[in-house]
Amino acid sequence: MDPGSGGICLAWSCAFAHLVWRRASLLWGLGGAAFFCLIFASSTWLTQSQYTTRPAGVIVAEEVVVRKGNGESYTPQLPQPLHAGTEFVVLEARGSWLAIQLDNGTSGWIRRDSAALL
């Protein structure tokens, strides 16, 4: 049973028990369980929306130069090229170029054929 299901079961159990025994402590339990469910649902929603709005990817070429713009004529953004296996999120796509952001917050442009989207 996942934490969200446990919180929902606890909330319904407290609500039913309050209907039968009319104890104030059961209302506190219901409120706590409902709050837990709200926090869990919000966390799940934020995590899901992050992955659906910004697709993730990984570098598949041996070395990729991250550029300041979407073309070979732009200067490199980083002093060293990225290596295969480097993960990123896609900020934008234009033609055969992807604007990416690395885990450290650095962003730039790479050729689309040098990466695979997850």
Protein backbone atom coordinates (compact mmCIF):
# COMPACT_ATOMS: atom_id res chain seq x y z
CA MET A 1 0.00 0.00 0.00
CA ASP A 2 1.45 3.37 -0.98
CA PRO A 3 1.48 6.34 1.46
CA GLY A 4 -1.36 8.10 -0.35
CA SER A 5 -3.69 5.10 -0.04
CA GLY A 6 -2.82 4.75 3.63
CA GLY A 7 -3.70 8.39 4.26
CA ILE A 8 -7.00 8.06 2.42
CA CYS A 9 -7.91 4.91 4.38
CA LEU A 10 -7.03 6.66 7.65
CA ALA A 11 -9.11 9.72 6.73
CA TRP A 12 -12.17 7.65 5.85
CA SER A 13 -11.74 5.49 8.96
CA CYS A 14 -11.61 8.58 11.19
CA ALA A 15 -14.64 10.08 9.45
CA PHE A 16 -16.69 6.91 9.89
CA ALA A 17 -15.57 6.47 13.50
CA HIS A 18 -16.54 10.09 14.24
CA LEU A 19 -20.03 9.44 12.89
CA VAL A 20 -20.39 6.49 15.27
CA TRP A 21 -18.64 7.73 18.46
CA ARG A 22 -18.63 11.55 18.13
CA ARG A 23 -15.17 12.11 19.63
CA ALA A 24 -13.24 15.35 19.02
CA SER A 25 -9.99 13.40 18.79
CA LEU A 26 -11.34 11.63 15.71
CA LEU A 27 -11.85 14.99 14.02
CA TRP A 28 -8.21 15.83 14.72
CA GLY A 29 -7.21 12.48 13.21
CA LEU A 30 -9.39 13.19 10.18
CA GLY A 31 -7.84 16.64 9.75
CA GLY A 32 -4.31 15.26 10.06
CA ALA A 33 -4.97 12.47 7.58
CA ALA A 34 -6.61 14.89 5.15
CA PHE A 35 -3.63 17.25 5.44
CA PHE A 36 -1.24 14.34 4.79
CA CYS A 37 -3.25 13.36 1.69
CA LEU A 38 -3.18 16.95 0.42
CA ILE A 39 0.61 17.19 0.84
CA PHE A 40 1.17 13.80 -0.80
CA ALA A 41 -1.13 14.65 -3.74
CA SER A 42 0.57 18.03 -4.23
CA SER A 43 4.01 16.45 -4.24
CA THR A 44 2.91 13.82 -6.75
CA TRP A 45 1.32 16.44 -9.00
CA LEU A 46 4.41 18.68 -8.96
CA THR A 47 6.71 15.76 -9.77
CA GLN A 48 4.48 14.59 -12.60
CA SER A 49 4.09 18.06 -14.10
CA GLN A 50 7.87 18.56 -14.05
CA TYR A 51 8.44 15.45 -16.17
CA THR A 52 5.59 16.12 -18.59
CA THR A 53 6.43 19.77 -19.26
CA ARG A 54 10.18 19.30 -19.65
CA PRO A 55 11.25 16.06 -21.26
CA ALA A 56 14.54 14.59 -20.12
CA GLY A 57 17.32 13.37 -22.35
CA VAL A 58 20.80 11.91 -22.40
CA ILE A 59 23.84 12.54 -24.58
CA VAL A 60 24.48 9.52 -26.85
CA ALA A 61 27.41 10.86 -28.90
CA GLU A 62 30.96 10.48 -27.56
CA GLU A 63 31.45 14.24 -27.26
CA VAL A 64 29.03 17.12 -27.81
CA VAL A 65 29.88 20.82 -27.88
CA VAL A 66 27.22 22.89 -26.09
CA ARG A 67 26.78 26.15 -27.99
CA LYS A 68 25.35 29.56 -27.07
CA GLY A 69 22.86 29.39 -29.94
CA ASN A 70 21.21 26.98 -32.34
CA GLY A 71 23.91 26.78 -34.99
CA GLU A 72 27.50 25.69 -35.58
CA SER A 73 28.56 29.34 -35.91
CA TYR A 74 27.77 30.09 -32.25
CA THR A 75 30.62 29.95 -29.74
CA PRO A 76 30.83 27.09 -27.23
CA GLN A 77 28.97 27.64 -23.95
CA LEU A 78 31.24 25.35 -21.92
CA PRO A 79 35.04 25.04 -21.98
CA GLN A 80 34.83 21.24 -22.37
CA PRO A 81 32.40 19.15 -24.47
CA LEU A 82 29.81 16.95 -22.80
CA HIS A 83 30.40 13.21 -22.83
CA ALA A 84 28.03 10.31 -23.50
CA GLY A 85 25.71 9.60 -20.60
CA THR A 86 25.27 13.22 -19.48
CA GLU A 87 21.63 13.82 -18.55
CA PHE A 88 19.67 17.02 -19.21
CA VAL A 89 16.17 18.47 -19.59
CA VAL A 90 14.94 19.98 -22.84
CA LEU A 91 13.98 23.64 -22.65
CA GLU A 92 13.18 24.18 -26.33
CA ALA A 93 13.50 22.51 -29.73
CA ARG A 94 14.23 24.36 -33.00
CA GLY A 95 14.75 22.33 -36.13
CA SER A 96 17.72 20.05 -35.60
CA TRP A 97 18.77 21.76 -32.34
CA LEU A 98 17.76 21.35 -28.69
CA ALA A 99 18.09 23.93 -25.95
CA ILE A 100 19.07 21.95 -22.87
CA GLN A 101 19.69 22.55 -19.18
CA LEU A 102 22.12 20.48 -17.14
CA ASP A 103 21.70 19.52 -13.48
CA ASN A 104 24.03 22.34 -12.41
CA GLY A 105 21.81 24.94 -14.12
CA THR A 106 24.01 25.51 -17.18
CA SER A 107 22.06 25.79 -20.41
CA GLY A 108 22.94 25.82 -24.09
CA TRP A 109 22.21 24.27 -27.48
CA ILE A 110 23.16 20.86 -28.86
CA ARG A 111 22.40 19.04 -32.10
CA ARG A 112 19.30 16.85 -31.79
CA ASP A 113 21.00 13.80 -33.35
CA SER A 114 23.63 13.73 -30.57
CA ALA A 115 21.03 13.04 -27.88
CA ALA A 116 18.18 10.68 -27.08
CA LEU A 117 15.02 11.86 -25.33
CA LEU A 118 13.72 9.71 -22.48
